[in-house]
Amino acid sequence: MVLHKNFSDFVLFLFIHMALADNFLHPSEEQVILEKMKRMFPDEADLKKKYNAAVTEYRSLDKSLTSTIIRDSFKSFSSIKFAHKYKVYTEMYDVVNADGKVEESEKVALDALKEIIDINSEIK
């Protein structure tokens, strides 16, 4: 199940996924994501509006589908190099560390994401 037409929108989805892994969207996590969005969406006029829409979209999803969405999306963006995908993974640490602590649920989400990236690198 693929929801996003471009890799940047998918990465925003992943950032929100990490920020909400502990079921709480901390203001500092939001700030980190908005800062990253400046680079990801340089032509976007209203980053806060795009961010809010992405959060609303994420919260409306059936959480049991999240792993499938992430796995299928990584497969669909096969033209994106492994190194770039892995950089996205490392940037997730900025999001989960933004509030000054890493909850167990965030660690689990990071580990799951790393596993998906590693699996997809082997498929090529």
N, C-alpha and C. Protein backbone atom coordinates (compact mmCIF):
# COMPACT_ATOMS: atom_id res chain seq x y z
N MET A 1 0.84 -1.17 0.00
CA MET A 1 0.00 0.00 0.00
C MET A 1 0.89 1.24 0.00
N VAL A 2 0.84 1.99 -1.06
CA VAL A 2 1.66 3.19 -1.22
C VAL A 2 0.75 4.41 -1.21
N LEU A 3 1.05 5.36 -0.36
CA LEU A 3 0.23 6.56 -0.23
C LEU A 3 0.83 7.79 -0.89
N HIS A 4 2.14 7.79 -1.10
CA HIS A 4 2.84 9.01 -1.50
C HIS A 4 3.42 8.90 -2.90
N LYS A 5 3.27 9.98 -3.67
CA LYS A 5 3.74 9.99 -5.05
C LYS A 5 5.22 10.36 -5.15
N ASN A 6 5.76 11.02 -4.11
CA ASN A 6 7.17 11.38 -4.17
C ASN A 6 7.86 11.04 -2.84
N PHE A 7 9.16 10.89 -2.91
CA PHE A 7 9.93 10.43 -1.76
C PHE A 7 9.90 11.44 -0.61
N SER A 8 9.89 12.72 -0.91
CA SER A 8 9.86 13.74 0.15
C SER A 8 8.58 13.63 0.98
N ASP A 9 7.45 13.43 0.34
CA ASP A 9 6.20 13.26 1.09
C ASP A 9 6.25 12.00 1.95
N PHE A 10 6.85 10.96 1.42
CA PHE A 10 7.00 9.73 2.20
C PHE A 10 7.91 9.94 3.40
N VAL A 11 9.00 10.68 3.21
CA VAL A 11 9.91 10.97 4.32
C VAL A 11 9.19 11.78 5.40
N LEU A 12 8.37 12.74 4.99
CA LEU A 12 7.58 13.49 5.96
C LEU A 12 6.68 12.55 6.75
N PHE A 13 6.06 11.59 6.07
CA PHE A 13 5.25 10.56 6.73
C PHE A 13 6.09 9.81 7.77
N LEU A 14 7.31 9.45 7.41
CA LEU A 14 8.19 8.73 8.33
C LEU A 14 8.55 9.59 9.54
N PHE A 15 8.85 10.87 9.31
CA PHE A 15 9.15 11.77 10.43
C PHE A 15 7.97 11.83 11.41
N ILE A 16 6.79 11.94 10.87
CA ILE A 16 5.59 12.00 11.72
C ILE A 16 5.38 10.67 12.43
N HIS A 17 5.62 9.60 11.72
CA HIS A 17 5.52 8.26 12.32
C HIS A 17 6.45 8.16 13.53
N MET A 18 7.68 8.63 13.39
CA MET A 18 8.63 8.58 14.51
C MET A 18 8.20 9.50 15.64
N ALA A 19 7.76 10.69 15.30
CA ALA A 19 7.35 11.65 16.32
C ALA A 19 6.17 11.12 17.13
N LEU A 20 5.29 10.39 16.48
CA LEU A 20 4.09 9.88 17.16
C LEU A 20 4.25 8.45 17.68
N ALA A 21 5.44 7.90 17.58
CA ALA A 21 5.66 6.52 18.04
C ALA A 21 5.33 6.36 19.51
N ASP A 22 5.50 7.43 20.29
CA ASP A 22 5.18 7.38 21.72
C ASP A 22 3.79 7.96 21.99
N ASN A 23 3.01 8.15 20.92
CA ASN A 23 1.64 8.67 21.01
C ASN A 23 1.55 10.10 21.50
N PHE A 24 2.66 10.84 21.41
CA PHE A 24 2.67 12.24 21.81
C PHE A 24 3.55 13.02 20.86
N LEU A 25 2.99 14.07 20.30
CA LEU A 25 3.74 14.93 19.38
C LEU A 25 4.26 16.12 20.17
N HIS A 26 5.52 16.02 20.56
CA HIS A 26 6.15 17.06 21.37
C HIS A 26 6.44 18.28 20.49
N PRO A 27 6.26 19.50 21.01
CA PRO A 27 6.54 20.71 20.21
C PRO A 27 7.96 20.74 19.64
N SER A 28 8.94 20.22 20.36
CA SER A 28 10.31 20.23 19.84
C SER A 28 10.45 19.24 18.67
N GLU A 29 9.68 18.15 18.68
CA GLU A 29 9.69 17.23 17.54
C GLU A 29 9.10 17.92 16.31
N GLU A 30 8.03 18.65 16.53
CA GLU A 30 7.41 19.41 15.45
C GLU A 30 8.40 20.41 14.86
N GLN A 31 9.13 21.12 15.71
CA GLN A 31 10.11 22.10 15.23
C GLN A 31 11.21 21.45 14.40
N VAL A 32 11.71 20.30 14.85
CA VAL A 32 12.74 19.59 14.10
C VAL A 32 12.20 19.19 12.73
N ILE A 33 11.00 18.68 12.69
CA ILE A 33 10.40 18.27 11.41
C ILE A 33 10.22 19.47 10.49
N LEU A 34 9.71 20.57 11.03
CA LEU A 34 9.52 21.77 10.21
C LEU A 34 10.85 22.29 9.65
N GLU A 35 11.90 22.21 10.44
CA GLU A 35 13.23 22.62 9.96
C GLU A 35 13.69 21.72 8.81
N LYS A 36 13.48 20.43 8.94
CA LYS A 36 13.87 19.49 7.89
C LYS A 36 13.03 19.71 6.63
N MET A 37 11.79 20.10 6.82
CA MET A 37 10.90 20.34 5.68
C MET A 37 11.39 21.50 4.81
N LYS A 38 12.08 22.47 5.39
CA LYS A 38 12.60 23.59 4.60
C LYS A 38 13.51 23.09 3.49
N ARG A 39 14.30 22.08 3.80
CA ARG A 39 15.22 21.49 2.82
C ARG A 39 14.47 20.56 1.87
N MET A 40 13.50 19.83 2.40
CA MET A 40 12.78 18.83 1.60
C MET A 40 11.80 19.46 0.62
N PHE A 41 11.21 20.58 1.02
CA PHE A 41 10.18 21.24 0.22
C PHE A 41 10.52 22.73 0.04
N PRO A 42 11.61 23.03 -0.66
CA PRO A 42 12.07 24.42 -0.75
C PRO A 42 11.08 25.37 -1.43
N ASP A 43 10.19 24.84 -2.26
CA ASP A 43 9.24 25.68 -2.98
C ASP A 43 7.87 25.75 -2.31
N GLU A 44 7.74 25.08 -1.19
CA GLU A 44 6.46 25.05 -0.48
C GLU A 44 6.22 26.39 0.22
N ALA A 45 5.07 27.01 -0.07
CA ALA A 45 4.77 28.34 0.48
C ALA A 45 4.40 28.28 1.97
N ASP A 46 3.69 27.22 2.36
CA ASP A 46 3.20 27.14 3.75
C ASP A 46 3.56 25.77 4.33
N LEU A 47 4.75 25.68 4.90
CA LEU A 47 5.22 24.40 5.45
C LEU A 47 4.36 23.93 6.61
N LYS A 48 3.90 24.84 7.44
CA LYS A 48 3.08 24.47 8.60
C LYS A 48 1.76 23.84 8.13
N LYS A 49 1.18 24.37 7.08
CA LYS A 49 -0.06 23.82 6.55
C LYS A 49 0.18 22.41 6.00
N LYS A 50 1.28 22.23 5.27
CA LYS A 50 1.62 20.92 4.73
C LYS A 50 1.87 19.93 5.87
N TYR A 51 2.58 20.39 6.88
CA TYR A 51 2.86 19.56 8.06
C TYR A 51 1.56 19.14 8.74
N ASN A 52 0.68 20.09 8.99
CA ASN A 52 -0.59 19.78 9.65
C ASN A 52 -1.42 18.80 8.85
N ALA A 53 -1.42 18.96 7.53
CA ALA A 53 -2.17 18.02 6.67
C ALA A 53 -1.57 16.62 6.76
N ALA A 54 -0.24 16.54 6.81
CA ALA A 54 0.43 15.23 6.91
C ALA A 54 0.14 14.58 8.27
N VAL A 55 0.12 15.35 9.32
CA VAL A 55 -0.21 14.81 10.65
C VAL A 55 -1.65 14.30 10.66
N THR A 56 -2.56 15.07 10.10
CA THR A 56 -3.97 14.65 10.03
C THR A 56 -4.10 13.36 9.23
N GLU A 57 -3.40 13.29 8.09
CA GLU A 57 -3.43 12.09 7.26
C GLU A 57 -2.91 10.89 8.06
N TYR A 58 -1.78 11.07 8.74
CA TYR A 58 -1.19 9.97 9.50
C TYR A 58 -2.14 9.50 10.60
N ARG A 59 -2.72 10.41 11.33
CA ARG A 59 -3.60 10.05 12.44
C ARG A 59 -4.88 9.37 11.96
N SER A 60 -5.27 9.61 10.71
CA SER A 60 -6.50 9.00 10.19
C SER A 60 -6.29 7.56 9.71
N LEU A 61 -5.03 7.15 9.59
CA LEU A 61 -4.72 5.81 9.09
C LEU A 61 -4.97 4.73 10.14
N ASP A 62 -5.32 3.57 9.66
CA ASP A 62 -5.40 2.39 10.50
C ASP A 62 -3.96 2.02 10.87
N LYS A 63 -3.62 2.10 12.14
CA LYS A 63 -2.23 1.88 12.58
C LYS A 63 -1.71 0.48 12.25
N SER A 64 -2.61 -0.47 12.06
CA SER A 64 -2.16 -1.81 11.70
C SER A 64 -1.59 -1.87 10.28
N LEU A 65 -1.82 -0.82 9.50
CA LEU A 65 -1.33 -0.78 8.12
C LEU A 65 0.01 -0.06 8.00
N THR A 66 0.48 0.56 9.07
CA THR A 66 1.68 1.39 9.00
C THR A 66 2.89 0.65 8.47
N SER A 67 3.18 -0.53 9.00
CA SER A 67 4.34 -1.30 8.54
C SER A 67 4.23 -1.65 7.05
N THR A 68 3.05 -2.02 6.62
CA THR A 68 2.83 -2.34 5.22
C THR A 68 3.05 -1.12 4.34
N ILE A 69 2.53 0.02 4.78
CA ILE A 69 2.71 1.27 4.02
C ILE A 69 4.20 1.59 3.89
N ILE A 70 4.93 1.49 4.99
CA ILE A 70 6.36 1.82 4.98
C ILE A 70 7.13 0.84 4.09
N ARG A 71 6.88 -0.43 4.26
CA ARG A 71 7.57 -1.46 3.47
C ARG A 71 7.28 -1.29 1.98
N ASP A 72 6.01 -1.17 1.63
CA ASP A 72 5.62 -1.04 0.23
C ASP A 72 6.15 0.26 -0.38
N SER A 73 6.15 1.31 0.42
CA SER A 73 6.64 2.60 -0.09
C SER A 73 8.13 2.54 -0.38
N PHE A 74 8.91 1.95 0.53
CA PHE A 74 10.34 1.82 0.26
C PHE A 74 10.57 1.02 -1.01
N LYS A 75 9.80 -0.03 -1.23
CA LYS A 75 9.93 -0.82 -2.45
C LYS A 75 9.58 0.00 -3.68
N SER A 76 8.55 0.84 -3.57
CA SER A 76 8.11 1.63 -4.73
C SER A 76 9.11 2.71 -5.10
N PHE A 77 9.90 3.16 -4.14
CA PHE A 77 10.93 4.16 -4.41
C PHE A 77 12.28 3.47 -4.63
N SER A 78 12.27 2.47 -5.47
CA SER A 78 13.47 1.67 -5.72
C SER A 78 14.58 2.48 -6.40
N SER A 79 14.23 3.58 -7.03
CA SER A 79 15.26 4.39 -7.69
C SER A 79 16.07 5.21 -6.68
N ILE A 80 15.58 5.32 -5.46
CA ILE A 80 16.30 6.04 -4.41
C ILE A 80 17.42 5.13 -3.90
N LYS A 81 18.61 5.64 -3.91
CA LYS A 81 19.78 4.86 -3.50
C LYS A 81 19.71 4.49 -2.01
N PHE A 82 20.30 3.34 -1.70
CA PHE A 82 20.33 2.86 -0.32
C PHE A 82 20.94 3.90 0.61
N ALA A 83 22.00 4.57 0.18
CA ALA A 83 22.66 5.57 1.02
C ALA A 83 21.71 6.71 1.39
N HIS A 84 20.87 7.11 0.46
CA HIS A 84 19.90 8.18 0.73
C HIS A 84 18.83 7.68 1.72
N LYS A 85 18.36 6.47 1.51
CA LYS A 85 17.37 5.89 2.43
C LYS A 85 17.95 5.76 3.83
N TYR A 86 19.21 5.39 3.90
CA TYR A 86 19.85 5.23 5.21
C TYR A 86 20.05 6.58 5.87
N LYS A 87 20.31 7.62 5.09
CA LYS A 87 20.44 8.97 5.64
C LYS A 87 19.11 9.39 6.26
N VAL A 88 18.02 9.05 5.60
CA VAL A 88 16.69 9.35 6.15
C VAL A 88 16.54 8.66 7.50
N TYR A 89 16.97 7.41 7.57
CA TYR A 89 16.90 6.67 8.83
C TYR A 89 17.69 7.39 9.91
N THR A 90 18.89 7.85 9.60
CA THR A 90 19.70 8.53 10.61
C THR A 90 19.07 9.85 11.04
N GLU A 91 18.36 10.51 10.12
CA GLU A 91 17.68 11.75 10.46
C GLU A 91 16.52 11.52 11.43
N MET A 92 16.02 10.31 11.47
CA MET A 92 14.94 9.99 12.41
C MET A 92 15.41 10.19 13.86
N TYR A 93 16.71 10.00 14.09
CA TYR A 93 17.24 10.21 15.43
C TYR A 93 17.05 11.66 15.88
N ASP A 94 17.18 12.61 14.94
CA ASP A 94 16.94 14.01 15.29
C ASP A 94 15.52 14.20 15.78
N VAL A 95 14.58 13.52 15.14
CA VAL A 95 13.17 13.65 15.52
C VAL A 95 12.92 13.02 16.89
N VAL A 96 13.36 11.78 17.08
CA VAL A 96 13.06 11.10 18.35
C VAL A 96 13.84 11.69 19.52
N ASN A 97 14.98 12.30 19.24
CA ASN A 97 15.77 12.92 20.31
C ASN A 97 15.36 14.36 20.59
N ALA A 98 14.49 14.91 19.80
CA ALA A 98 14.13 16.32 19.91
C ALA A 98 13.58 16.71 21.28
N ASP A 99 12.85 15.79 21.90
CA ASP A 99 12.27 16.11 23.21
C ASP A 99 13.19 15.74 24.36
N GLY A 100 14.41 15.33 24.04
CA GLY A 100 15.41 15.07 25.07
C GLY A 100 15.44 13.65 25.60
N LYS A 101 14.54 12.81 25.12
CA LYS A 101 14.55 11.42 25.57
C LYS A 101 14.01 10.52 24.45
N VAL A 102 14.48 9.28 24.45
CA VAL A 102 14.00 8.30 23.47
C VAL A 102 13.20 7.26 24.23
N GLU A 103 11.92 7.24 23.96
CA GLU A 103 11.02 6.27 24.60
C GLU A 103 11.23 4.89 23.96
N GLU A 104 10.86 3.86 24.68
CA GLU A 104 10.99 2.49 24.16
C GLU A 104 10.21 2.32 22.86
N SER A 105 9.03 2.91 22.78
CA SER A 105 8.22 2.79 21.57
C SER A 105 8.91 3.45 20.37
N GLU A 106 9.66 4.52 20.62
CA GLU A 106 10.40 5.17 19.54
C GLU A 106 11.57 4.29 19.09
N LYS A 107 12.22 3.65 20.04
CA LYS A 107 13.31 2.74 19.71
C LYS A 107 12.80 1.57 18.87
N VAL A 108 11.66 1.03 19.25
CA VAL A 108 11.05 -0.07 18.49
C VAL A 108 10.74 0.39 17.07
N ALA A 109 10.18 1.59 16.92
CA ALA A 109 9.85 2.12 15.59
C ALA A 109 11.11 2.32 14.76
N LEU A 110 12.18 2.83 15.37
CA LEU A 110 13.45 3.00 14.66
C LEU A 110 14.03 1.66 14.21
N ASP A 111 13.99 0.69 15.09
CA ASP A 111 14.51 -0.64 14.75
C ASP A 111 13.72 -1.26 13.60
N ALA A 112 12.40 -1.09 13.63
CA ALA A 112 11.57 -1.63 12.56
C ALA A 112 11.89 -0.95 11.23
N LEU A 113 12.08 0.36 11.28
CA LEU A 113 12.43 1.09 10.06
C LEU A 113 13.78 0.64 9.52
N LYS A 114 14.75 0.46 10.38
CA LYS A 114 16.07 0.00 9.95
C LYS A 114 15.97 -1.38 9.29
N GLU A 115 15.18 -2.25 9.88
CA GLU A 115 15.00 -3.59 9.32
C GLU A 115 14.39 -3.51 7.91
N ILE A 116 13.40 -2.64 7.73
CA ILE A 116 12.76 -2.50 6.42
C ILE A 116 13.76 -1.97 5.40
N ILE A 117 14.56 -0.98 5.78
CA ILE A 117 15.57 -0.43 4.87
C ILE A 117 16.59 -1.51 4.51
N ASP A 118 17.04 -2.26 5.50
CA ASP A 118 18.02 -3.33 5.26
C ASP A 118 17.45 -4.41 4.36
N ILE A 119 16.20 -4.80 4.58
CA ILE A 119 15.57 -5.83 3.75
C ILE A 119 15.48 -5.34 2.31
N ASN A 120 15.04 -4.09 2.13
CA ASN A 120 14.90 -3.57 0.78
C ASN A 120 16.23 -3.40 0.07
N SER A 121 17.32 -3.22 0.82
CA SER A 121 18.63 -3.12 0.16
C SER A 121 19.07 -4.49 -0.36
N GLU A 122 18.60 -5.54 0.28
CA GLU A 122 18.96 -6.89 -0.14
C GLU A 122 18.15 -7.33 -1.36
N ILE A 123 16.97 -6.77 -1.54
CA ILE A 123 16.07 -7.16 -2.63
C ILE A 123 16.65 -6.77 -3.98
N LYS A 124 17.35 -5.66 -4.06
CA LYS A 124 17.87 -5.14 -5.34
C LYS A 124 18.76 -6.11 -6.05
